[in-house]
Amino acid sequence: MNITTIRVTKETLQKLKDIGKKEETYDEIINRLLKYAKDNQNKN
């Protein structure tokens, strides 16, 4: 597994924490959001 670091503001980090599920990693949260965005991009 390749790992990298991304910079986010403390506000963005808190938003990720707020929508994350217990024991969910930031990688899992971001991937869930990306999947949601992709699945819903053509529904406008």
N, C-alpha and C. Protein backbone atom coordinates (compact mmCIF):
# COMPACT_ATOMS: atom_id res chain seq x y z
N MET A 1 0.85 -1.17 0.00
CA MET A 1 0.00 0.00 0.00
C MET A 1 0.90 1.23 0.00
N ASN A 2 0.68 2.11 -0.95
CA ASN A 2 1.39 3.39 -1.00
C ASN A 2 0.62 4.41 -0.18
N ILE A 3 1.33 5.19 0.60
CA ILE A 3 0.70 6.20 1.44
C ILE A 3 1.32 7.55 1.13
N THR A 4 0.47 8.57 1.13
CA THR A 4 0.93 9.94 0.92
C THR A 4 0.28 10.83 1.96
N THR A 5 0.70 12.05 2.01
CA THR A 5 0.14 13.01 2.94
C THR A 5 -0.54 14.12 2.14
N ILE A 6 -1.74 14.49 2.57
CA ILE A 6 -2.41 15.64 1.98
C ILE A 6 -2.63 16.68 3.06
N ARG A 7 -2.52 17.94 2.69
CA ARG A 7 -2.73 19.01 3.64
C ARG A 7 -4.16 19.50 3.56
N VAL A 8 -4.80 19.58 4.71
CA VAL A 8 -6.15 20.14 4.81
C VAL A 8 -6.17 21.10 5.99
N THR A 9 -7.11 22.02 5.95
CA THR A 9 -7.25 22.94 7.07
C THR A 9 -7.81 22.19 8.27
N LYS A 10 -7.67 22.77 9.43
CA LYS A 10 -8.24 22.15 10.64
C LYS A 10 -9.76 22.06 10.52
N GLU A 11 -10.34 23.04 9.84
CA GLU A 11 -11.80 23.02 9.64
C GLU A 11 -12.20 21.82 8.79
N THR A 12 -11.46 21.57 7.72
CA THR A 12 -11.76 20.42 6.86
C THR A 12 -11.55 19.11 7.61
N LEU A 13 -10.49 19.04 8.40
CA LEU A 13 -10.23 17.85 9.19
C LEU A 13 -11.39 17.58 10.15
N GLN A 14 -11.90 18.63 10.77
CA GLN A 14 -13.02 18.46 11.69
C GLN A 14 -14.27 17.98 10.96
N LYS A 15 -14.49 18.49 9.75
CA LYS A 15 -15.64 18.04 8.96
C LYS A 15 -15.52 16.56 8.62
N LEU A 16 -14.31 16.12 8.28
CA LEU A 16 -14.09 14.69 8.02
C LEU A 16 -14.38 13.86 9.27
N LYS A 17 -13.92 14.34 10.41
CA LYS A 17 -14.17 13.64 11.67
C LYS A 17 -15.67 13.57 11.96
N ASP A 18 -16.37 14.68 11.68
CA ASP A 18 -17.80 14.75 11.98
C ASP A 18 -18.62 13.77 11.14
N ILE A 19 -18.22 13.56 9.89
CA ILE A 19 -19.01 12.65 9.05
C ILE A 19 -18.50 11.22 9.06
N GLY A 20 -17.35 11.02 9.66
CA GLY A 20 -16.79 9.67 9.72
C GLY A 20 -17.55 8.80 10.70
N LYS A 21 -17.52 7.52 10.42
CA LYS A 21 -18.11 6.54 11.31
C LYS A 21 -17.05 6.08 12.30
N LYS A 22 -17.47 5.54 13.42
CA LYS A 22 -16.53 5.08 14.44
C LYS A 22 -15.55 4.08 13.83
N GLU A 23 -14.29 4.27 14.12
CA GLU A 23 -13.22 3.38 13.66
C GLU A 23 -12.95 3.47 12.15
N GLU A 24 -13.56 4.43 11.45
CA GLU A 24 -13.34 4.61 10.02
C GLU A 24 -12.10 5.48 9.81
N THR A 25 -11.22 5.07 8.92
CA THR A 25 -10.02 5.86 8.64
C THR A 25 -10.38 7.03 7.74
N TYR A 26 -9.47 8.02 7.69
CA TYR A 26 -9.70 9.15 6.79
C TYR A 26 -9.73 8.67 5.35
N ASP A 27 -8.91 7.70 5.02
CA ASP A 27 -8.90 7.13 3.68
C ASP A 27 -10.28 6.54 3.34
N GLU A 28 -10.87 5.84 4.28
CA GLU A 28 -12.20 5.26 4.05
C GLU A 28 -13.26 6.34 3.91
N ILE A 29 -13.17 7.38 4.73
CA ILE A 29 -14.14 8.48 4.64
C ILE A 29 -14.05 9.16 3.28
N ILE A 30 -12.84 9.49 2.87
CA ILE A 30 -12.64 10.17 1.58
C ILE A 30 -13.11 9.30 0.43
N ASN A 31 -12.79 8.01 0.46
CA ASN A 31 -13.24 7.12 -0.61
C ASN A 31 -14.75 6.97 -0.64
N ARG A 32 -15.39 6.97 0.53
CA ARG A 32 -16.86 6.91 0.57
C ARG A 32 -17.45 8.17 -0.04
N LEU A 33 -16.87 9.33 0.26
CA LEU A 33 -17.35 10.59 -0.31
C LEU A 33 -17.14 10.63 -1.82
N LEU A 34 -15.97 10.14 -2.28
CA LEU A 34 -15.70 10.12 -3.71
C LEU A 34 -16.66 9.20 -4.45
N LYS A 35 -16.96 8.04 -3.86
CA LYS A 35 -17.91 7.11 -4.48
C LYS A 35 -19.30 7.76 -4.56
N TYR A 36 -19.71 8.42 -3.48
CA TYR A 36 -20.99 9.10 -3.47
C TYR A 36 -21.06 10.17 -4.55
N ALA A 37 -19.99 10.97 -4.66
CA ALA A 37 -19.94 12.03 -5.66
C ALA A 37 -20.02 11.44 -7.07
N LYS A 38 -19.27 10.38 -7.32
CA LYS A 38 -19.28 9.74 -8.65
C LYS A 38 -20.66 9.16 -8.96
N ASP A 39 -21.26 8.49 -7.98
CA ASP A 39 -22.57 7.87 -8.19
C ASP A 39 -23.66 8.90 -8.43
N ASN A 40 -23.47 10.12 -7.95
CA ASN A 40 -24.51 11.14 -8.03
C ASN A 40 -24.20 12.29 -8.96
N GLN A 41 -23.10 12.24 -9.68
CA GLN A 41 -22.70 13.36 -10.52
C GLN A 41 -23.63 13.60 -11.70
N ASN A 42 -24.30 12.61 -12.17
CA ASN A 42 -25.18 12.76 -13.34
C ASN A 42 -26.65 12.84 -12.95
N LYS A 43 -26.96 13.00 -11.68
CA LYS A 43 -28.34 13.02 -11.22
C LYS A 43 -28.90 14.42 -11.10
N ASN A 44 -28.14 15.42 -11.52
CA ASN A 44 -28.59 16.82 -11.41
C ASN A 44 -29.53 17.11 -12.51
